[in-house]
Amino acid sequence: MSESIEQQIARLHRHGVIDMHFDLPMDLYDKRARPNVLATDFLDDLEAGDIGVAGVAIYLADQYLPEMGLRTALDQIARLYLEVDQSDRFAICRTHAEILRAREQNKIALLLTMEGIEPLGADLDLLRVFYELGLRSLCLTHVRRNAAGDGGLFAATGSPRDGLTSFGRDVICECERLGIIVDLAHISPAGFDDIIEMTTRPVIISHTNARKYFDIERNVSDEQIKAIGARGGVIGINAVLVSPRKEEATLDRYIDHIEHLRDLIGIEGVAIGFDFFEFIYRQWSEAEQIAFQDKFTHAHFVPGLAKHSDSRRLTKRLIERGFNDDEIERILFQNWMRIFEALLGE
């Protein structure tokens, strides 16, 4: 008897889908007056999408900077640990072996990441503190400038050309020494070049898109994509910056980004970094939503790819677009697991 497409999706999802960028800690922090937020607000959706591993990012909104940056980041981590303790379906993991063990126990593995080094200020010793708390992947910047360097602009040109600061270089060296994955998401083009030049291990981009379809410096050029591929790295495709035109921000255009990277560096370099953000956006006031759109021009949510339960819809469309089982399993699971095994050890 032939396999139905739903059976095929279930088989392809059997190990769990990996999303390397999810702004979970900031939402847990914002809802800190409530207990069991992780289980109440997120578990059903994560399970419906067969999510096995999520990179959960410490991120600081402008309102907390500079004075409250470190405290808020530590509070986000504290909320994450408290929430995980209140549910038997999650595990905060630090190594490849812990991720495998969590999956064997049917738990969703959470890998702590950092989006922008603002919590460190300019104190390199604090990186070791965050490492001991579980930090295992780090990108230096968001859009704004910090002590490490500049983020890539949401524009085709104009990012500063001076690359990383000396502190930014020190952070990258310390990441390699400690065993923290270096993530080039959001970094300016000059900063990108500096990181490629000074690192020796595989590097990643947790969540981005191809400039071929959305030409802003926050996204990655063909040359940058090839540089990550040459290093044996992996790039996660983002579900927010798929197209500058709302009518083209579709599931098929999302898959176009995957195809473009596959054609440039091979299927082993492509994975998922959804960056689902609409659930946070919808909680904001109208004024906050307008301010967001003014700051991040042309950020369009993709219909049918806005939450983790939509990952099954993505897999179905990948099958329909002609991706074979091996390619889909690499995109959804195997490529990130290869990175974890190579860089996080036992």
Protein backbone atom coordinates (compact mmCIF):
# COMPACT_ATOMS: atom_id res chain seq x y z
CA MET A 1 0.00 0.00 0.00
CA SER A 2 1.40 3.39 -0.97
CA GLU A 3 2.26 5.92 1.73
CA SER A 4 -0.06 8.92 2.07
CA ILE A 5 1.47 12.40 2.17
CA GLU A 6 0.44 12.74 5.81
CA GLN A 7 2.23 9.48 6.61
CA GLN A 8 5.27 10.72 4.72
CA ILE A 9 5.27 13.97 6.71
CA ALA A 10 5.01 12.04 9.98
CA ARG A 11 7.96 9.86 8.96
CA LEU A 12 10.05 12.87 7.95
CA HIS A 13 9.24 14.54 11.28
CA ARG A 14 9.93 11.47 13.39
CA HIS A 15 13.19 12.89 14.80
CA GLY A 16 11.65 16.33 15.39
CA VAL A 17 12.02 19.61 13.52
CA ILE A 18 14.79 22.01 14.60
CA ASP A 19 14.18 25.76 14.67
CA MET A 20 17.36 27.66 15.57
CA HIS A 21 15.76 31.02 16.33
CA PHE A 22 12.78 31.54 18.60
CA ASP A 23 12.26 34.65 20.78
CA LEU A 24 10.91 32.63 23.69
CA PRO A 25 12.81 34.05 26.70
CA MET A 26 11.64 37.64 26.12
CA ASP A 27 8.00 36.51 26.02
CA LEU A 28 8.40 34.41 29.16
CA TYR A 29 9.92 37.45 30.85
CA ASP A 30 7.09 39.72 29.73
CA LYS A 31 4.58 37.21 31.16
CA ARG A 32 6.54 36.60 34.37
CA ALA A 33 3.51 37.29 36.57
CA ARG A 34 1.91 34.08 35.26
CA PRO A 35 2.97 30.50 36.04
CA ASN A 36 3.29 27.72 33.47
CA VAL A 37 3.44 30.00 30.44
CA LEU A 38 5.66 27.59 28.51
CA ALA A 39 3.20 24.72 28.87
CA THR A 40 0.06 26.83 28.55
CA ASP A 41 0.97 29.15 25.68
CA PHE A 42 3.51 27.17 23.65
CA LEU A 43 3.45 23.41 24.19
CA ASP A 44 0.44 22.55 22.03
CA ASP A 45 1.77 24.53 19.06
CA LEU A 46 5.28 23.09 19.37
CA GLU A 47 3.92 19.55 19.59
CA ALA A 48 1.58 20.10 16.64
CA GLY A 49 4.61 21.10 14.56
CA ASP A 50 6.74 18.19 15.84
CA ILE A 51 9.39 20.61 17.10
CA GLY A 52 12.27 18.66 18.62
CA VAL A 53 14.85 21.37 19.25
CA ALA A 54 14.51 25.14 19.51
CA GLY A 55 17.25 27.74 19.77
CA VAL A 56 15.74 30.17 22.29
CA ALA A 57 17.26 33.63 22.10
CA ILE A 58 18.06 36.14 24.80
CA TYR A 59 17.13 39.47 23.23
CA LEU A 60 16.83 42.90 24.83
CA ALA A 61 14.35 45.52 23.69
CA ASP A 62 15.63 49.09 23.53
CA GLN A 63 13.75 50.05 26.68
CA TYR A 64 16.09 47.96 28.85
CA LEU A 65 19.31 49.47 27.55
CA PRO A 66 21.82 50.24 28.81
CA GLU A 67 21.18 50.16 32.55
CA MET A 68 18.86 47.14 32.71
CA GLY A 69 20.51 45.00 30.04
CA LEU A 70 22.37 42.50 32.19
CA ARG A 71 19.61 42.17 34.76
CA THR A 72 16.90 41.63 32.13
CA ALA A 73 18.97 39.00 30.31
CA LEU A 74 19.57 37.10 33.55
CA ASP A 75 15.88 37.39 34.40
CA GLN A 76 14.98 35.94 30.99
CA ILE A 77 17.21 32.94 31.71
CA ALA A 78 15.73 32.58 35.18
CA ARG A 79 12.21 32.54 33.75
CA LEU A 80 13.24 29.90 31.20
CA TYR A 81 14.64 27.62 33.92
CA LEU A 82 11.59 28.13 36.13
CA GLU A 83 9.21 27.36 33.27
CA VAL A 84 11.11 24.23 32.24
CA ASP A 85 11.02 23.04 35.85
CA GLN A 86 7.21 23.32 35.77
CA SER A 87 6.86 20.96 32.79
CA ASP A 88 8.17 17.48 32.05
CA ARG A 89 8.11 18.11 28.29
CA PHE A 90 11.16 20.38 28.02
CA ALA A 91 14.89 20.18 28.72
CA ILE A 92 17.53 22.90 28.57
CA CYS A 93 20.46 21.27 26.78
CA ARG A 94 24.14 22.19 26.64
CA THR A 95 25.67 19.39 24.57
CA HIS A 96 24.90 17.21 21.58
CA ALA A 97 24.54 14.24 23.93
CA GLU A 98 22.01 16.09 26.09
CA ILE A 99 19.97 16.95 23.01
CA LEU A 100 19.93 13.29 21.96
CA ARG A 101 18.94 12.24 25.48
CA ALA A 102 16.12 14.78 25.59
CA ARG A 103 14.76 13.53 22.28
CA GLU A 104 14.97 9.92 23.45
CA GLN A 105 12.85 10.98 26.44
CA ASN A 106 10.36 12.69 24.09
CA LYS A 107 11.27 16.11 25.45
CA ILE A 108 11.66 19.29 23.44
CA ALA A 109 15.29 20.36 23.70
CA LEU A 110 15.91 24.08 24.28
CA LEU A 111 19.29 25.48 23.32
CA LEU A 112 20.04 28.88 24.87
CA THR A 113 21.28 31.49 22.40
CA MET A 114 22.00 35.23 22.51
CA GLU A 115 20.92 37.78 19.90
CA GLY A 116 23.18 40.76 20.48
CA ILE A 117 25.89 41.00 23.16
CA GLU A 118 24.31 43.96 24.98
CA PRO A 119 23.97 41.87 28.18
CA LEU A 120 27.78 41.70 28.33
CA GLY A 121 28.25 45.45 28.10
CA ALA A 122 31.98 45.51 27.46
CA ASP A 123 32.89 42.88 30.06
CA LEU A 124 34.29 39.74 28.43
CA ASP A 125 34.23 37.83 31.73
CA LEU A 126 30.43 37.88 31.65
CA LEU A 127 30.50 35.63 28.59
CA ARG A 128 31.82 32.83 30.80
CA VAL A 129 28.96 33.48 33.24
CA PHE A 130 26.38 33.09 30.47
CA TYR A 131 28.19 29.99 29.20
CA GLU A 132 27.87 28.41 32.64
CA LEU A 133 24.16 29.25 32.60
CA GLY A 134 23.81 27.30 29.34
CA LEU A 135 24.54 29.75 26.52
CA ARG A 136 25.67 27.76 23.49
CA SER A 137 25.22 30.04 20.46
CA LEU A 138 25.79 33.77 20.06
CA CYS A 139 25.37 36.46 17.41
CA LEU A 140 27.11 39.73 18.15
CA THR A 141 24.50 42.24 17.09
CA HIS A 142 20.91 42.93 16.24
CA VAL A 143 20.20 46.02 14.10
CA ARG A 144 21.71 48.57 16.47
CA ARG A 145 25.38 49.21 17.24
CA ASN A 146 26.86 47.77 20.42
CA ALA A 147 30.31 47.26 21.93
CA ALA A 148 31.10 44.50 19.42
CA GLY A 149 30.14 46.20 16.17
CA ASP A 150 27.20 47.07 13.96
CA GLY A 151 24.20 45.15 12.73
CA GLY A 152 23.36 45.00 9.04
CA LEU A 153 20.84 47.62 7.98
CA PHE A 154 17.34 46.89 6.71
CA ALA A 155 18.44 48.66 3.52
CA ALA A 156 20.41 47.66 0.43
CA THR A 157 23.43 49.80 1.38
CA GLY A 158 24.69 51.98 4.18
CA SER A 159 26.03 49.72 6.93
CA PRO A 160 29.27 51.00 8.53
CA ARG A 161 32.45 49.69 6.91
CA ASP A 162 34.67 49.40 9.98
CA GLY A 163 33.74 45.82 10.96
CA LEU A 164 34.19 44.43 14.46
CA THR A 165 35.57 46.39 17.37
CA SER A 166 38.48 44.98 19.36
CA PHE A 167 35.92 43.84 21.94
CA GLY A 168 33.91 42.10 19.24
CA ARG A 169 37.03 40.25 18.16
CA ASP A 170 37.70 39.22 21.75
CA VAL A 171 34.14 37.88 22.06
CA ILE A 172 34.54 35.76 18.93
CA CYS A 173 37.84 34.34 20.17
CA GLU A 174 36.30 33.54 23.55
CA CYS A 175 33.32 31.84 21.88
CA GLU A 176 35.69 29.54 20.02
CA ARG A 177 37.66 28.86 23.22
CA LEU A 178 34.58 28.06 25.30
CA GLY A 179 32.71 26.14 22.63
CA ILE A 180 29.94 28.61 21.87
CA ILE A 181 28.61 28.45 18.30
CA VAL A 182 29.37 31.65 16.38
CA ASP A 183 26.23 32.95 14.67
CA LEU A 184 26.58 35.61 11.94
CA ALA A 185 22.90 36.59 11.92
CA HIS A 186 22.33 40.36 11.76
CA ILE A 187 26.01 41.33 11.56
CA SER A 188 27.03 44.06 9.08
CA PRO A 189 28.79 42.98 5.87
CA ALA A 190 32.14 44.26 7.18
CA GLY A 191 31.63 42.44 10.48
CA PHE A 192 30.71 39.29 8.56
CA ASP A 193 34.02 39.42 6.68
CA ASP A 194 35.96 39.92 9.93
CA ILE A 195 34.33 36.89 11.56
CA ILE A 196 34.98 34.65 8.56
CA GLU A 197 38.60 35.76 8.49
CA MET A 198 39.34 35.20 12.16
CA THR A 199 37.41 31.98 12.93
CA THR A 200 38.58 28.45 12.25
CA ARG A 201 35.54 26.31 13.03
CA PRO A 202 32.20 26.02 11.21
CA VAL A 203 30.00 29.09 11.69
CA ILE A 204 26.26 29.44 11.26
CA ILE A 205 23.57 31.95 10.45
CA SER A 206 20.66 30.99 12.66
CA HIS A 207 18.02 33.01 10.79
CA THR A 208 18.36 34.98 7.58
CA ASN A 209 17.27 35.18 3.94
CA ALA A 210 18.89 35.48 0.55
CA ARG A 211 19.46 38.99 -0.79
CA LYS A 212 18.45 37.63 -4.20
CA TYR A 213 14.82 37.83 -3.05
CA PHE A 214 15.05 40.53 -0.36
CA ASP A 215 17.98 42.86 -0.97
CA ILE A 216 18.88 44.32 2.42
CA GLU A 217 22.19 44.16 4.25
CA ARG A 218 20.57 42.28 7.13
CA ASN A 219 20.20 39.36 4.69
CA VAL A 220 23.04 37.45 2.98
CA SER A 221 24.57 37.81 -0.45
CA ASP A 222 25.56 34.89 -2.65
CA GLU A 223 29.20 35.47 -1.69
CA GLN A 224 28.35 35.33 2.01
CA ILE A 225 26.31 32.17 1.51
CA LYS A 226 29.25 30.54 -0.24
CA ALA A 227 31.59 31.59 2.58
CA ILE A 228 29.39 29.82 5.14
CA GLY A 229 29.17 26.74 2.91
CA ALA A 230 32.94 26.63 2.41
CA ARG A 231 33.38 26.57 6.18
CA GLY A 232 30.97 23.65 6.57
CA GLY A 233 28.40 25.87 8.22
CA VAL A 234 24.61 25.96 8.09
CA ILE A 235 22.14 28.75 7.34
CA GLY A 236 18.62 28.80 8.79
CA ILE A 237 15.92 30.36 6.61
CA ASN A 238 13.86 33.10 8.26
CA ALA A 239 10.07 33.33 7.84
CA VAL A 240 9.76 37.10 8.30
CA LEU A 241 12.07 38.65 5.67
CA VAL A 242 11.00 36.53 2.71
CA SER A 243 10.06 39.41 0.39
CA PRO A 244 9.80 43.21 0.63
CA ARG A 245 6.39 42.93 -1.08
CA LYS A 246 3.54 41.62 1.02
CA GLU A 247 1.92 39.80 -1.89
CA GLU A 248 5.17 37.87 -2.49
CA ALA A 249 5.71 36.93 1.17
CA THR A 250 4.43 33.40 0.62
CA LEU A 251 5.28 29.85 1.54
CA ASP A 252 6.52 29.24 -1.99
CA ARG A 253 8.84 32.24 -1.84
CA TYR A 254 10.17 30.89 1.48
CA ILE A 255 11.00 27.65 -0.31
CA ASP A 256 12.61 29.68 -3.11
CA HIS A 257 15.16 30.84 -0.53
CA ILE A 258 15.85 27.22 0.42
CA GLU A 259 16.31 26.28 -3.24
CA HIS A 260 18.66 29.20 -3.83
CA LEU A 261 20.93 28.19 -0.97
CA ARG A 262 20.82 24.55 -2.01
CA ASP A 263 21.90 25.48 -5.51
CA LEU A 264 24.80 27.58 -4.17
CA ILE A 265 26.23 25.41 -1.36
CA GLY A 266 24.39 22.10 -1.38
CA ILE A 267 21.51 20.83 0.71
CA GLU A 268 23.84 20.17 3.68
CA GLY A 269 24.13 23.93 4.25
CA VAL A 270 20.41 24.74 4.54
CA ALA A 271 18.16 24.51 7.60
CA ILE A 272 15.42 26.30 9.52
CA GLY A 273 15.51 29.46 11.65
CA PHE A 274 11.87 30.48 11.56
CA ASP A 275 12.06 33.57 13.82
CA PHE A 276 8.31 33.36 14.42
CA PHE A 277 7.41 36.73 15.86
CA GLU A 278 3.78 37.41 15.01
CA PHE A 279 2.56 36.08 18.36
CA ILE A 280 4.57 38.82 20.10
CA TYR A 281 3.64 41.50 17.56
CA ARG A 282 -0.08 40.84 18.10
CA GLN A 283 0.30 41.52 21.83
CA TRP A 284 1.55 45.06 21.24
CA SER A 285 -0.42 48.28 21.11
CA GLU A 286 -1.09 49.93 17.76
CA ALA A 287 1.61 52.51 18.52
CA GLU A 288 4.15 49.77 19.26
CA GLN A 289 3.25 47.97 16.03
CA ILE A 290 3.70 51.16 14.00
CA ALA A 291 7.08 51.81 15.66
CA PHE A 292 8.16 48.27 14.79
CA GLN A 293 7.18 48.66 11.14
CA ASP A 294 8.97 52.00 10.95
CA LYS A 295 12.16 50.46 12.32
CA PHE A 296 12.06 47.18 10.39
CA THR A 297 10.72 48.25 7.02
CA HIS A 298 8.83 45.66 4.98
CA ALA A 299 8.82 42.86 7.58
CA HIS A 300 5.89 40.74 6.38
CA PHE A 301 4.52 37.66 8.12
CA VAL A 302 4.02 34.71 5.77
CA PRO A 303 0.44 33.39 5.63
CA GLY A 304 0.47 29.73 6.57
CA LEU A 305 3.97 29.94 8.05
CA ALA A 306 3.51 32.00 11.19
CA LYS A 307 3.73 29.45 14.02
CA HIS A 308 5.43 26.16 14.74
CA SER A 309 2.39 24.02 13.96
CA ASP A 310 2.74 25.30 10.38
CA SER A 311 5.94 23.28 9.93
CA ARG A 312 3.85 20.38 8.62
CA ARG A 313 2.51 22.68 5.93
CA LEU A 314 6.10 23.57 5.00
CA THR A 315 7.09 19.91 4.75
CA LYS A 316 4.06 19.15 2.59
CA ARG A 317 4.99 21.95 0.21
CA LEU A 318 8.63 20.83 0.09
CA ILE A 319 7.41 17.38 -1.02
CA GLU A 320 5.16 18.97 -3.65
CA ARG A 321 8.04 21.10 -4.90
CA GLY A 322 10.10 17.99 -5.58
CA PHE A 323 12.45 17.79 -2.61
CA ASN A 324 13.30 14.17 -1.80
CA ASP A 325 13.19 12.59 1.66
CA ASP A 326 16.92 12.94 2.28
CA GLU A 327 16.88 16.64 1.40
CA ILE A 328 13.89 17.34 3.62
CA GLU A 329 15.36 15.49 6.60
CA ARG A 330 18.58 17.46 6.21
CA ILE A 331 16.69 20.76 6.14
CA LEU A 332 14.45 19.94 9.08
CA PHE A 333 16.83 18.08 11.38
CA GLN A 334 20.09 16.58 10.25
CA ASN A 335 22.05 19.67 9.27
CA TRP A 336 21.63 21.40 12.62
CA MET A 337 22.37 18.14 14.43
CA ARG A 338 25.63 17.87 12.51
CA ILE A 339 26.58 21.32 13.78
CA PHE A 340 25.67 20.41 17.35
CA GLU A 341 27.73 17.24 17.18
CA ALA A 342 30.74 19.06 15.72
CA LEU A 343 30.67 22.13 17.96
CA LEU A 344 28.92 21.24 21.21
CA GLY A 345 30.56 17.88 21.83
CA GLU A 346 29.45 15.43 24.45
